[in-house]
Amino acid sequence: MLDYASTLTSVTGGKGEFHLTFSHYSQVPAKIGEKIVEGAKAAEAKS
């Protein structure tokens, strides 16, 4: 999505625009959630 704005500007000669809106949150699977929490705790312990 980050490259899309510059590509759109190039293709449309600066006249194109788009709007990005939040859609929804999704629940993270338990195993991935545990890894995220562990990583956050490790980062917090380092600082």
PDB file of N, CA and C in Angstrom:
ATOM      1  N   MET A   1       0.813  -1.192   0.000  1.00  0.00           N
ATOM      2  CA  MET A   1       0.000   0.000   0.000  1.00  0.00           C
ATOM      3  C   MET A   1       0.860   1.261   0.000  1.00  0.00           C
ATOM      4  N   LEU A   2       2.049   1.169   0.559  1.00  0.00           N
ATOM      5  CA  LEU A   2       2.883   2.365   0.646  1.00  0.00           C
ATOM      6  C   LEU A   2       3.347   2.825  -0.730  1.00  0.00           C
ATOM      7  N   ASP A   3       3.588   1.896  -1.624  1.00  0.00           N
ATOM      8  CA  ASP A   3       4.013   2.249  -2.976  1.00  0.00           C
ATOM      9  C   ASP A   3       2.836   2.667  -3.859  1.00  0.00           C
ATOM     10  N   TYR A   4       1.643   2.313  -3.455  1.00  0.00           N
ATOM     11  CA  TYR A   4       0.482   2.556  -4.290  1.00  0.00           C
ATOM     12  C   TYR A   4       0.250   4.047  -4.532  1.00  0.00           C
ATOM     13  N   ALA A   5       0.433   4.869  -3.513  1.00  0.00           N
ATOM     14  CA  ALA A   5       0.192   6.310  -3.663  1.00  0.00           C
ATOM     15  C   ALA A   5       1.106   6.919  -4.711  1.00  0.00           C
ATOM     16  N   SER A   6       2.389   6.572  -4.674  1.00  0.00           N
ATOM     17  CA  SER A   6       3.308   7.143  -5.663  1.00  0.00           C
ATOM     18  C   SER A   6       3.041   6.577  -7.054  1.00  0.00           C
ATOM     19  N   THR A   7       2.685   5.318  -7.143  1.00  0.00           N
ATOM     20  CA  THR A   7       2.352   4.721  -8.439  1.00  0.00           C
ATOM     21  C   THR A   7       1.103   5.373  -9.016  1.00  0.00           C
ATOM     22  N   LEU A   8       0.103   5.570  -8.183  1.00  0.00           N
ATOM     23  CA  LEU A   8      -1.137   6.204  -8.641  1.00  0.00           C
ATOM     24  C   LEU A   8      -0.875   7.621  -9.129  1.00  0.00           C
ATOM     25  N   THR A   9      -0.044   8.347  -8.410  1.00  0.00           N
ATOM     26  CA  THR A   9       0.302   9.710  -8.824  1.00  0.00           C
ATOM     27  C   THR A   9       0.988   9.708 -10.175  1.00  0.00           C
ATOM     28  N   SER A  10       1.913   8.782 -10.370  1.00  0.00           N
ATOM     29  CA  SER A  10       2.637   8.693 -11.641  1.00  0.00           C
ATOM     30  C   SER A  10       1.702   8.336 -12.796  1.00  0.00           C
ATOM     31  N   VAL A  11       0.860   7.357 -12.587  1.00  0.00           N
ATOM     32  CA  VAL A  11      -0.017   6.861 -13.650  1.00  0.00           C
ATOM     33  C   VAL A  11      -1.080   7.891 -14.032  1.00  0.00           C
ATOM     34  N   THR A  12      -1.574   8.648 -13.062  1.00  0.00           N
ATOM     35  CA  THR A  12      -2.668   9.583 -13.337  1.00  0.00           C
ATOM     36  C   THR A  12      -2.196  11.020 -13.530  1.00  0.00           C
ATOM     37  N   GLY A  13      -0.903  11.233 -13.568  1.00  0.00           N
ATOM     38  CA  GLY A  13      -0.387  12.587 -13.743  1.00  0.00           C
ATOM     39  C   GLY A  13      -0.692  13.493 -12.560  1.00  0.00           C
ATOM     40  N   GLY A  14      -0.766  12.911 -11.369  1.00  0.00           N
ATOM     41  CA  GLY A  14      -1.005  13.699 -10.160  1.00  0.00           C
ATOM     42  C   GLY A  14      -2.456  13.953  -9.843  1.00  0.00           C
ATOM     43  N   LYS A  15      -3.371  13.396 -10.625  1.00  0.00           N
ATOM     44  CA  LYS A  15      -4.792  13.661 -10.412  1.00  0.00           C
ATOM     45  C   LYS A  15      -5.513  12.555  -9.650  1.00  0.00           C
ATOM     46  N   GLY A  16      -4.901  11.385  -9.550  1.00  0.00           N
ATOM     47  CA  GLY A  16      -5.544  10.278  -8.851  1.00  0.00           C
ATOM     48  C   GLY A  16      -5.351  10.373  -7.352  1.00  0.00           C
ATOM     49  N   GLU A  17      -6.302   9.849  -6.620  1.00  0.00           N
ATOM     50  CA  GLU A  17      -6.188   9.808  -5.173  1.00  0.00           C
ATOM     51  C   GLU A  17      -6.897   8.571  -4.657  1.00  0.00           C
ATOM     52  N   PHE A  18      -6.535   8.177  -3.444  1.00  0.00           N
ATOM     53  CA  PHE A  18      -7.204   7.057  -2.812  1.00  0.00           C
ATOM     54  C   PHE A  18      -7.265   7.314  -1.317  1.00  0.00           C
ATOM     55  N   HIS A  19      -8.148   6.617  -0.657  1.00  0.00           N
ATOM     56  CA  HIS A  19      -8.304   6.744   0.791  1.00  0.00           C
ATOM     57  C   HIS A  19      -8.254   5.349   1.386  1.00  0.00           C
ATOM     58  N   LEU A  20      -7.467   5.215   2.420  1.00  0.00           N
ATOM     59  CA  LEU A  20      -7.326   3.945   3.103  1.00  0.00           C
ATOM     60  C   LEU A  20      -8.108   4.020   4.404  1.00  0.00           C
ATOM     61  N   THR A  21      -9.028   3.105   4.600  1.00  0.00           N
ATOM     62  CA  THR A  21      -9.813   3.104   5.824  1.00  0.00           C
ATOM     63  C   THR A  21      -9.666   1.762   6.531  1.00  0.00           C
ATOM     64  N   PHE A  22      -9.714   1.814   7.848  1.00  0.00           N
ATOM     65  CA  PHE A  22      -9.605   0.619   8.669  1.00  0.00           C
ATOM     66  C   PHE A  22     -10.836  -0.244   8.468  1.00  0.00           C
ATOM     67  N   SER A  23     -10.638  -1.541   8.337  1.00  0.00           N
ATOM     68  CA  SER A  23     -11.745  -2.455   8.140  1.00  0.00           C
ATOM     69  C   SER A  23     -12.142  -3.145   9.441  1.00  0.00           C
ATOM     70  N   HIS A  24     -11.209  -3.893  10.036  1.00  0.00           N
ATOM     71  CA  HIS A  24     -11.551  -4.651  11.237  1.00  0.00           C
ATOM     72  C   HIS A  24     -10.294  -5.225  11.896  1.00  0.00           C
ATOM     73  N   TYR A  25     -10.468  -5.663  13.117  1.00  0.00           N
ATOM     74  CA  TYR A  25      -9.444  -6.425  13.813  1.00  0.00           C
ATOM     75  C   TYR A  25      -9.788  -7.899  13.679  1.00  0.00           C
ATOM     76  N   SER A  26      -8.773  -8.737  13.688  1.00  0.00           N
ATOM     77  CA  SER A  26      -8.987 -10.180  13.719  1.00  0.00           C
ATOM     78  C   SER A  26      -8.212 -10.749  14.891  1.00  0.00           C
ATOM     79  N   GLN A  27      -8.752 -11.774  15.499  1.00  0.00           N
ATOM     80  CA  GLN A  27      -8.077 -12.403  16.632  1.00  0.00           C
ATOM     81  C   GLN A  27      -6.844 -13.146  16.144  1.00  0.00           C
ATOM     82  N   VAL A  28      -5.764 -12.990  16.881  1.00  0.00           N
ATOM     83  CA  VAL A  28      -4.508 -13.663  16.555  1.00  0.00           C
ATOM     84  C   VAL A  28      -4.578 -15.084  17.100  1.00  0.00           C
ATOM     85  N   PRO A  29      -4.137 -16.072  16.329  1.00  0.00           N
ATOM     86  CA  PRO A  29      -4.095 -17.435  16.860  1.00  0.00           C
ATOM     87  C   PRO A  29      -3.239 -17.496  18.127  1.00  0.00           C
ATOM     88  N   ALA A  30      -3.584 -18.379  19.052  1.00  0.00           N
ATOM     89  CA  ALA A  30      -2.945 -18.450  20.371  1.00  0.00           C
ATOM     90  C   ALA A  30      -1.428 -18.597  20.287  1.00  0.00           C
ATOM     91  N   LYS A  31      -0.941 -19.470  19.434  1.00  0.00           N
ATOM     92  CA  LYS A  31       0.513 -19.691  19.343  1.00  0.00           C
ATOM     93  C   LYS A  31       1.244 -18.429  18.889  1.00  0.00           C
ATOM     94  N   ILE A  32       0.683 -17.730  17.940  1.00  0.00           N
ATOM     95  CA  ILE A  32       1.303 -16.492  17.457  1.00  0.00           C
ATOM     96  C   ILE A  32       1.208 -15.418  18.539  1.00  0.00           C
ATOM     97  N   GLY A  33       0.089 -15.351  19.239  1.00  0.00           N
ATOM     98  CA  GLY A  33      -0.088 -14.397  20.327  1.00  0.00           C
ATOM     99  C   GLY A  33       0.947 -14.598  21.420  1.00  0.00           C
ATOM    100  N   GLU A  34       1.237 -15.849  21.747  1.00  0.00           N
ATOM    101  CA  GLU A  34       2.250 -16.153  22.763  1.00  0.00           C
ATOM    102  C   GLU A  34       3.622 -15.649  22.327  1.00  0.00           C
ATOM    103  N   LYS A  35       3.952 -15.827  21.053  1.00  0.00           N
ATOM    104  CA  LYS A  35       5.238 -15.345  20.538  1.00  0.00           C
ATOM    105  C   LYS A  35       5.318 -13.820  20.603  1.00  0.00           C
ATOM    106  N   ILE A  36       4.223 -13.148  20.303  1.00  0.00           N
ATOM    107  CA  ILE A  36       4.189 -11.686  20.353  1.00  0.00           C
ATOM    108  C   ILE A  36       4.416 -11.204  21.779  1.00  0.00           C
ATOM    109  N   VAL A  37       3.730 -11.840  22.730  1.00  0.00           N
ATOM    110  CA  VAL A  37       3.864 -11.451  24.136  1.00  0.00           C
ATOM    111  C   VAL A  37       5.288 -11.700  24.622  1.00  0.00           C
ATOM    112  N   GLU A  38       5.850 -12.856  24.275  1.00  0.00           N
ATOM    113  CA  GLU A  38       7.224 -13.165  24.672  1.00  0.00           C
ATOM    114  C   GLU A  38       8.200 -12.139  24.114  1.00  0.00           C
ATOM    115  N   GLY A  39       8.018 -11.769  22.848  1.00  0.00           N
ATOM    116  CA  GLY A  39       8.888 -10.777  22.229  1.00  0.00           C
ATOM    117  C   GLY A  39       8.768  -9.413  22.890  1.00  0.00           C
ATOM    118  N   ALA A  40       7.557  -9.027  23.249  1.00  0.00           N
ATOM    119  CA  ALA A  40       7.348  -7.742  23.910  1.00  0.00           C
ATOM    120  C   ALA A  40       7.982  -7.729  25.295  1.00  0.00           C
ATOM    121  N   LYS A  41       7.843  -8.837  26.012  1.00  0.00           N
ATOM    122  CA  LYS A  41       8.461  -8.922  27.345  1.00  0.00           C
ATOM    123  C   LYS A  41       9.976  -8.874  27.249  1.00  0.00           C
ATOM    124  N   ALA A  42      10.547  -9.547  26.249  1.00  0.00           N
ATOM    125  CA  ALA A  42      12.000  -9.537  26.058  1.00  0.00           C
ATOM    126  C   ALA A  42      12.492  -8.137  25.713  1.00  0.00           C
ATOM    127  N   ALA A  43      11.760  -7.443  24.867  1.00  0.00           N
ATOM    128  CA  ALA A  43      12.138  -6.076  24.488  1.00  0.00           C
ATOM    129  C   ALA A  43      12.045  -5.140  25.692  1.00  0.00           C
ATOM    130  N   GLU A  44      11.028  -5.332  26.509  1.00  0.00           N
ATOM    131  CA  GLU A  44      10.855  -4.493  27.691  1.00  0.00           C
ATOM    132  C   GLU A  44      11.959  -4.749  28.712  1.00  0.00           C
ATOM    133  N   ALA A  45      12.396  -5.997  28.839  1.00  0.00           N
ATOM    134  CA  ALA A  45      13.462  -6.345  29.770  1.00  0.00           C
ATOM    135  C   ALA A  45      14.794  -5.717  29.355  1.00  0.00           C
ATOM    136  N   LYS A  46      15.014  -5.547  28.047  1.00  0.00           N
ATOM    137  CA  LYS A  46      16.244  -4.956  27.543  1.00  0.00           C
ATOM    138  C   LYS A  46      16.316  -3.458  27.790  1.00  0.00           C
ATOM    139  N   SER A  47      15.162  -2.812  27.906  1.00  0.00           N
ATOM    140  CA  SER A  47      15.191  -1.347  28.052  1.00  0.00           C
ATOM    141  C   SER A  47      15.074  -0.913  29.489  1.00  0.00           C
TER     142      SER A  47
END
